[in-house]
Amino acid sequence: MSRDTTVPTVVKLGGSCLDDLAGPWWDDLAAHAVDHPLVLVHGWSRPLRNFHPRYRDPGAFLRDRYGNASRWTTPEVIADIKTVSAVLARDVMDRLAVRGISAERLLGSDGLVHAGPGERWWWQGKQLVELENRVGPIAKVEPTRLENLRPGHAYLVTPLARNDDGHEVNTDADRAAAAIAGALGATGLVLVTDVAHLLIENKPVTRIDAGAAASFRDRGATGGMRKKLRAAGEALEQGVHQVVLGSGLVSELLAGRTGTVITRG
C-alpha cells in the first residue's frame, strides 16, 4: 500500500459487525488515521432490524427481475434509516474522538452521492409488478463535498443518495464505498465484515484477482458476499489498486496479513 499520507483510506463498516468491534480495533483505526485521511462508510442492517420488528420480516425485501434482493424502501423507511444512522454515527464519532481523531458526518444525499434511475419491476409472490421503491444505483460521486480530508480527521458517510427527481434513495453501502474510493483516487478500499475471509468451497482465500473474484461472484457467492465482490470489482475498475475484505484490524487488512486481498490482476 502507498505510504503517501495525502491519499485517503476508505473503510466500509458493515452494519452487522459494528457491535463486535472491540477497543483494540478502534485503537488500530485511530492510529492509522493519524497519518492518513479517513473516510468511513457505514451500513445499518443490524441497527435497523433492532429498531422495529417489521425490518426482520422477509416481506421487507424485494427481488428484482434479475434476481437481486433489495430492501423495500419508502419515505418512512428512509426516515428510520436516518434515525438509526444518527445514533450509530454518534457512537462511531465518540469512539474516534476519545482516541484523538476528529470526525464529521455527511449524508450521501447531501450532494455527495447521486443515484441513477432505480428498478421499477419487482417480484411479489410469483408475479412481476411495478412498485415504487426508493432505491437507486450510484451514478456519480462529488468528491469536493469531502473538502476537509486530512490526516487526523475522518468523514463518516451515511450511504443515502439523491436521484434526478430530487428524492432521497437507499443505495448499497459496499458499492457506495467503492464509488467514493474511486472518486477520491484511493489506493485501497477495506470492506470490514463479520467473516475473516472470502470462502470458496469452504476454504479461506487470502488473495484473488478481479477476474476470479467475478467468476465466483456469478457462480457461487450468495447474499452479502455477492454484493461485496461486485463492489470490489467496481472499485478496481475505477482505479483502486486493491480491495481487502475481512474482520481483522485495518492495518493488518491493508498490509495483506489477514483477510482476502482482491487485486486487478
Protein backbone atom coordinates (compact mmCIF):
# COMPACT_ATOMS: atom_id res chain seq x y z
CA MET A 1 0.00 0.00 0.00
CA SER A 2 1.09 3.60 -0.59
CA ARG A 3 2.91 5.47 2.20
CA ASP A 4 1.63 8.78 0.80
CA THR A 5 -0.18 10.42 3.72
CA THR A 6 -2.27 12.58 1.38
CA VAL A 7 -4.02 9.53 -0.10
CA PRO A 8 -7.25 8.77 1.77
CA THR A 9 -8.19 5.38 3.12
CA VAL A 10 -11.81 4.33 2.57
CA VAL A 11 -13.25 1.81 5.03
CA LYS A 12 -16.74 0.34 4.85
CA LEU A 13 -18.07 -0.69 8.25
CA GLY A 14 -20.63 -3.47 7.98
CA GLY A 15 -23.79 -2.75 9.95
CA SER A 16 -23.86 -6.36 11.14
CA CYS A 17 -20.37 -6.22 12.69
CA LEU A 18 -20.16 -2.78 14.32
CA ASP A 19 -21.19 -4.04 17.77
CA ASP A 20 -18.45 -6.68 17.59
CA LEU A 21 -15.55 -4.27 17.01
CA ALA A 22 -13.75 -4.01 20.35
CA GLY A 23 -11.42 -1.33 21.72
CA PRO A 24 -8.19 -2.62 20.10
CA TRP A 25 -9.85 -2.47 16.69
CA TRP A 26 -10.69 1.22 17.18
CA ASP A 27 -7.21 1.89 18.61
CA ASP A 28 -5.72 0.50 15.41
CA LEU A 29 -8.06 2.50 13.18
CA ALA A 30 -7.24 5.71 15.03
CA ALA A 31 -3.50 5.02 14.78
CA HIS A 32 -3.87 4.66 11.01
CA ALA A 33 -5.99 7.82 10.79
CA VAL A 34 -3.26 9.89 12.47
CA ASP A 35 -1.27 9.72 9.22
CA HIS A 36 -4.00 9.18 6.62
CA PRO A 37 -7.22 10.99 5.70
CA LEU A 38 -10.05 8.59 6.54
CA VAL A 39 -13.49 8.07 5.03
CA LEU A 40 -15.79 5.62 6.78
CA VAL A 41 -18.94 4.42 5.05
CA HIS A 42 -21.31 2.61 7.37
CA GLY A 43 -24.06 0.06 6.93
CA TRP A 44 -27.18 -0.10 9.08
CA SER A 45 -28.56 -3.62 8.67
CA ARG A 46 -28.44 -4.77 12.30
CA PRO A 47 -29.45 -1.41 13.85
CA LEU A 48 -32.46 -1.21 11.53
CA ARG A 49 -33.51 -4.79 12.34
CA ASN A 50 -33.28 -3.96 16.03
CA PHE A 51 -35.21 -0.73 15.60
CA HIS A 52 -38.53 -2.38 14.67
CA PRO A 53 -39.71 -5.96 14.08
CA ARG A 54 -41.03 -5.06 10.62
CA TYR A 55 -37.43 -4.86 9.37
CA ARG A 56 -36.90 -8.51 10.29
CA ASP A 57 -39.88 -9.61 8.20
CA PRO A 58 -38.91 -11.32 4.89
CA GLY A 59 -41.55 -9.10 3.28
CA ALA A 60 -39.30 -6.11 3.96
CA PHE A 61 -37.19 -7.21 0.98
CA LEU A 62 -37.96 -7.34 -2.73
CA ARG A 63 -36.29 -9.25 -5.53
CA ASP A 64 -36.00 -7.72 -8.99
CA ARG A 65 -36.37 -9.48 -12.36
CA TYR A 66 -32.61 -10.15 -12.38
CA GLY A 67 -32.69 -11.89 -9.00
CA ASN A 68 -31.12 -9.07 -6.97
CA ALA A 69 -32.55 -8.50 -3.49
CA SER A 70 -33.24 -5.02 -2.15
CA ARG A 71 -34.85 -3.55 0.94
CA TRP A 72 -38.31 -2.22 0.11
CA THR A 73 -37.66 1.46 0.77
CA THR A 74 -40.40 4.06 1.25
CA PRO A 75 -40.00 7.63 2.55
CA GLU A 76 -40.83 6.22 6.01
CA VAL A 77 -38.01 3.70 5.73
CA ILE A 78 -35.61 6.49 4.72
CA ALA A 79 -36.65 8.36 7.89
CA ASP A 80 -35.97 5.25 10.03
CA ILE A 81 -32.58 4.76 8.35
CA LYS A 82 -31.71 8.34 9.29
CA THR A 83 -32.84 7.77 12.87
CA VAL A 84 -30.72 4.66 13.47
CA SER A 85 -27.80 6.08 11.50
CA ALA A 86 -27.69 9.20 13.67
CA VAL A 87 -27.31 7.04 16.80
CA LEU A 88 -24.70 4.85 15.10
CA ALA A 89 -22.79 7.91 13.86
CA ARG A 90 -22.59 9.44 17.31
CA ASP A 91 -21.19 6.20 18.69
CA VAL A 92 -18.53 5.94 15.96
CA MET A 93 -17.54 9.58 16.24
CA ASP A 94 -17.25 9.34 20.04
CA ARG A 95 -15.00 6.28 19.70
CA LEU A 96 -12.72 8.23 17.37
CA ALA A 97 -12.80 11.42 19.45
CA VAL A 98 -11.53 9.73 22.62
CA ARG A 99 -8.62 8.46 20.51
CA GLY A 100 -7.72 11.90 19.21
CA ILE A 101 -9.35 11.71 15.76
CA SER A 102 -11.84 14.43 14.85
CA ALA A 103 -14.78 13.41 12.67
CA GLU A 104 -17.78 14.79 10.88
CA ARG A 105 -20.82 13.06 9.47
CA LEU A 106 -22.12 13.55 5.94
CA LEU A 107 -25.28 12.15 4.40
CA GLY A 108 -24.53 10.91 0.90
CA SER A 109 -27.75 12.58 -0.20
CA ASP A 110 -26.35 15.99 0.76
CA GLY A 111 -24.59 16.40 -2.57
CA LEU A 112 -22.02 13.60 -2.28
CA VAL A 113 -23.74 10.62 -3.92
CA HIS A 114 -26.02 10.90 -6.95
CA ALA A 115 -28.24 7.99 -7.96
CA GLY A 116 -29.45 6.88 -11.35
CA PRO A 117 -32.92 5.54 -12.16
CA GLY A 118 -33.92 2.60 -10.00
CA GLU A 119 -35.52 -0.68 -10.97
CA ARG A 120 -39.32 -0.49 -11.05
CA TRP A 121 -40.30 -4.14 -11.61
CA TRP A 122 -40.22 -6.46 -8.61
CA TRP A 123 -41.42 -9.93 -7.78
CA GLN A 124 -44.34 -10.26 -5.40
CA GLY A 125 -45.04 -13.93 -4.97
CA LYS A 126 -44.92 -15.31 -8.49
CA GLN A 127 -45.78 -12.07 -10.23
CA LEU A 128 -43.67 -9.21 -11.52
CA VAL A 129 -45.35 -5.97 -10.53
CA GLU A 130 -44.42 -2.32 -10.88
CA LEU A 131 -43.61 -0.82 -7.47
CA GLU A 132 -42.27 2.43 -6.14
CA ASN A 133 -39.06 1.53 -4.35
CA ARG A 134 -36.79 4.35 -3.22
CA VAL A 135 -33.52 2.68 -4.19
CA GLY A 136 -31.10 3.53 -6.95
CA PRO A 137 -27.69 2.69 -8.37
CA ILE A 138 -24.85 5.14 -7.84
CA ALA A 139 -24.39 7.36 -10.88
CA LYS A 140 -21.79 9.84 -9.61
CA VAL A 141 -19.83 10.87 -6.54
CA GLU A 142 -18.92 14.51 -5.94
CA PRO A 143 -15.60 14.29 -4.03
CA THR A 144 -15.40 18.06 -3.37
CA ARG A 145 -18.05 17.53 -0.68
CA LEU A 146 -15.27 15.88 1.35
CA GLU A 147 -13.39 19.16 1.49
CA ASN A 148 -11.89 18.65 4.96
CA LEU A 149 -9.99 15.45 4.20
CA ARG A 150 -6.70 15.46 6.09
CA PRO A 151 -4.66 13.23 8.39
CA GLY A 152 -6.16 13.11 11.87
CA HIS A 153 -9.67 13.76 10.59
CA ALA A 154 -12.40 11.40 9.41
CA TYR A 155 -15.62 11.61 7.48
CA LEU A 156 -18.44 9.23 8.36
CA VAL A 157 -20.73 8.80 5.35
CA THR A 158 -24.30 7.55 5.59
CA PRO A 159 -24.85 5.96 2.16
CA LEU A 160 -28.06 7.56 1.05
CA ALA A 161 -28.16 9.20 -2.37
CA ARG A 162 -30.30 11.68 -4.27
CA ASN A 163 -31.79 10.93 -7.68
CA ASP A 164 -32.62 13.21 -10.59
CA ASP A 165 -36.14 13.74 -9.21
CA GLY A 166 -34.65 15.14 -6.01
CA HIS A 167 -35.73 12.15 -3.91
CA GLU A 168 -33.51 10.60 -1.27
CA VAL A 169 -32.91 6.95 -2.06
CA ASN A 170 -31.32 3.96 -0.39
CA THR A 171 -28.19 2.62 -2.04
CA ASP A 172 -25.85 -0.27 -1.29
CA ALA A 173 -23.19 0.69 1.28
CA ASP A 174 -20.43 -1.53 -0.19
CA ARG A 175 -20.93 -0.09 -3.66
CA ALA A 176 -21.12 3.43 -2.23
CA ALA A 177 -17.76 2.88 -0.53
CA ALA A 178 -16.34 1.59 -3.82
CA ALA A 179 -17.60 4.62 -5.75
CA ILE A 180 -16.24 7.03 -3.13
CA ALA A 181 -12.85 5.29 -3.13
CA GLY A 182 -12.70 5.55 -6.93
CA ALA A 183 -13.72 9.22 -6.94
CA LEU A 184 -11.09 10.10 -4.32
CA GLY A 185 -8.29 8.23 -6.03
CA ALA A 186 -7.82 5.97 -3.01
CA THR A 187 -5.22 3.25 -3.50
CA GLY A 188 -7.11 0.81 -1.30
CA LEU A 189 -10.60 0.02 -0.08
CA VAL A 190 -11.27 -2.00 3.08
CA LEU A 191 -14.60 -3.82 3.48
CA VAL A 192 -14.91 -4.72 7.16
CA THR A 193 -17.29 -7.60 7.60
CA ASP A 194 -18.19 -10.30 10.13
CA VAL A 195 -16.23 -13.06 8.36
CA ALA A 196 -12.45 -13.42 8.36
CA HIS A 197 -12.01 -14.32 4.67
CA LEU A 198 -13.76 -14.97 1.42
CA LEU A 199 -14.50 -18.70 1.37
CA ILE A 200 -14.50 -20.73 -1.84
CA GLU A 201 -15.52 -24.37 -1.42
CA ASN A 202 -15.31 -23.75 2.35
CA LYS A 203 -11.63 -22.84 2.12
CA PRO A 204 -10.31 -19.38 3.08
CA VAL A 205 -8.89 -17.36 0.20
CA THR A 206 -6.11 -14.93 1.08
CA ARG A 207 -5.54 -13.44 -2.39
CA ILE A 208 -7.55 -13.45 -5.62
CA ASP A 209 -7.62 -11.38 -8.79
CA ALA A 210 -10.64 -9.48 -10.07
CA GLY A 211 -11.45 -11.97 -12.82
CA ALA A 212 -11.53 -14.97 -10.49
CA ALA A 213 -13.50 -13.00 -7.91
CA ALA A 214 -16.10 -12.03 -10.52
CA SER A 215 -16.36 -15.62 -11.68
CA PHE A 216 -17.03 -16.82 -8.14
CA ARG A 217 -19.48 -13.96 -7.57
CA ASP A 218 -21.57 -15.12 -10.52
CA ARG A 219 -21.42 -18.85 -9.90
CA GLY A 220 -21.11 -19.42 -6.16
CA ALA A 221 -21.35 -16.34 -3.95
CA THR A 222 -24.60 -15.54 -2.20
CA GLY A 223 -26.18 -12.71 -0.22
CA GLY A 224 -23.90 -10.08 1.23
CA MET A 225 -20.70 -11.61 -0.15
CA ARG A 226 -22.03 -11.38 -3.69
CA LYS A 227 -22.59 -7.64 -3.19
CA LYS A 228 -19.14 -7.17 -1.68
CA LEU A 229 -17.47 -8.87 -4.64
CA ARG A 230 -19.48 -6.72 -7.03
CA ALA A 231 -18.38 -3.61 -5.12
CA ALA A 232 -14.76 -4.80 -5.17
CA GLY A 233 -14.87 -5.19 -8.95
CA GLU A 234 -16.33 -1.72 -9.39
CA ALA A 235 -13.66 -0.17 -7.16
CA LEU A 236 -10.86 -1.85 -9.13
CA GLU A 237 -12.41 -0.72 -12.42
CA GLN A 238 -12.32 2.87 -11.11
CA GLY A 239 -8.59 2.72 -10.41
CA VAL A 240 -8.42 1.49 -6.83
CA HIS A 241 -5.31 -0.73 -6.61
CA GLN A 242 -6.69 -3.36 -4.26
CA VAL A 243 -9.71 -4.19 -2.14
CA VAL A 244 -9.40 -6.09 1.13
CA LEU A 245 -12.28 -7.73 2.96
CA GLY A 246 -12.29 -9.37 6.36
CA SER A 247 -12.85 -8.90 10.07
CA GLY A 248 -9.34 -8.03 11.24
CA LEU A 249 -7.58 -4.82 12.20
CA VAL A 250 -7.49 -2.26 9.40
CA SER A 251 -3.68 -2.07 9.48
CA GLU A 252 -3.45 -5.86 9.14
CA LEU A 253 -6.01 -5.91 6.32
CA LEU A 254 -4.21 -3.13 4.42
CA ALA A 255 -0.91 -4.97 4.77
CA GLY A 256 -2.45 -8.19 3.47
CA ARG A 257 -1.62 -10.10 6.65
CA THR A 258 -5.24 -11.10 7.19
CA GLY A 259 -8.48 -11.12 5.23
CA THR A 260 -8.80 -11.55 1.46
CA VAL A 261 -6.93 -9.21 -0.90
CA ILE A 262 -8.58 -8.66 -4.30
CA THR A 263 -6.35 -7.18 -7.00
CA ARG A 264 -6.79 -6.05 -10.58
CA GLY A 265 -4.67 -8.91 -11.88
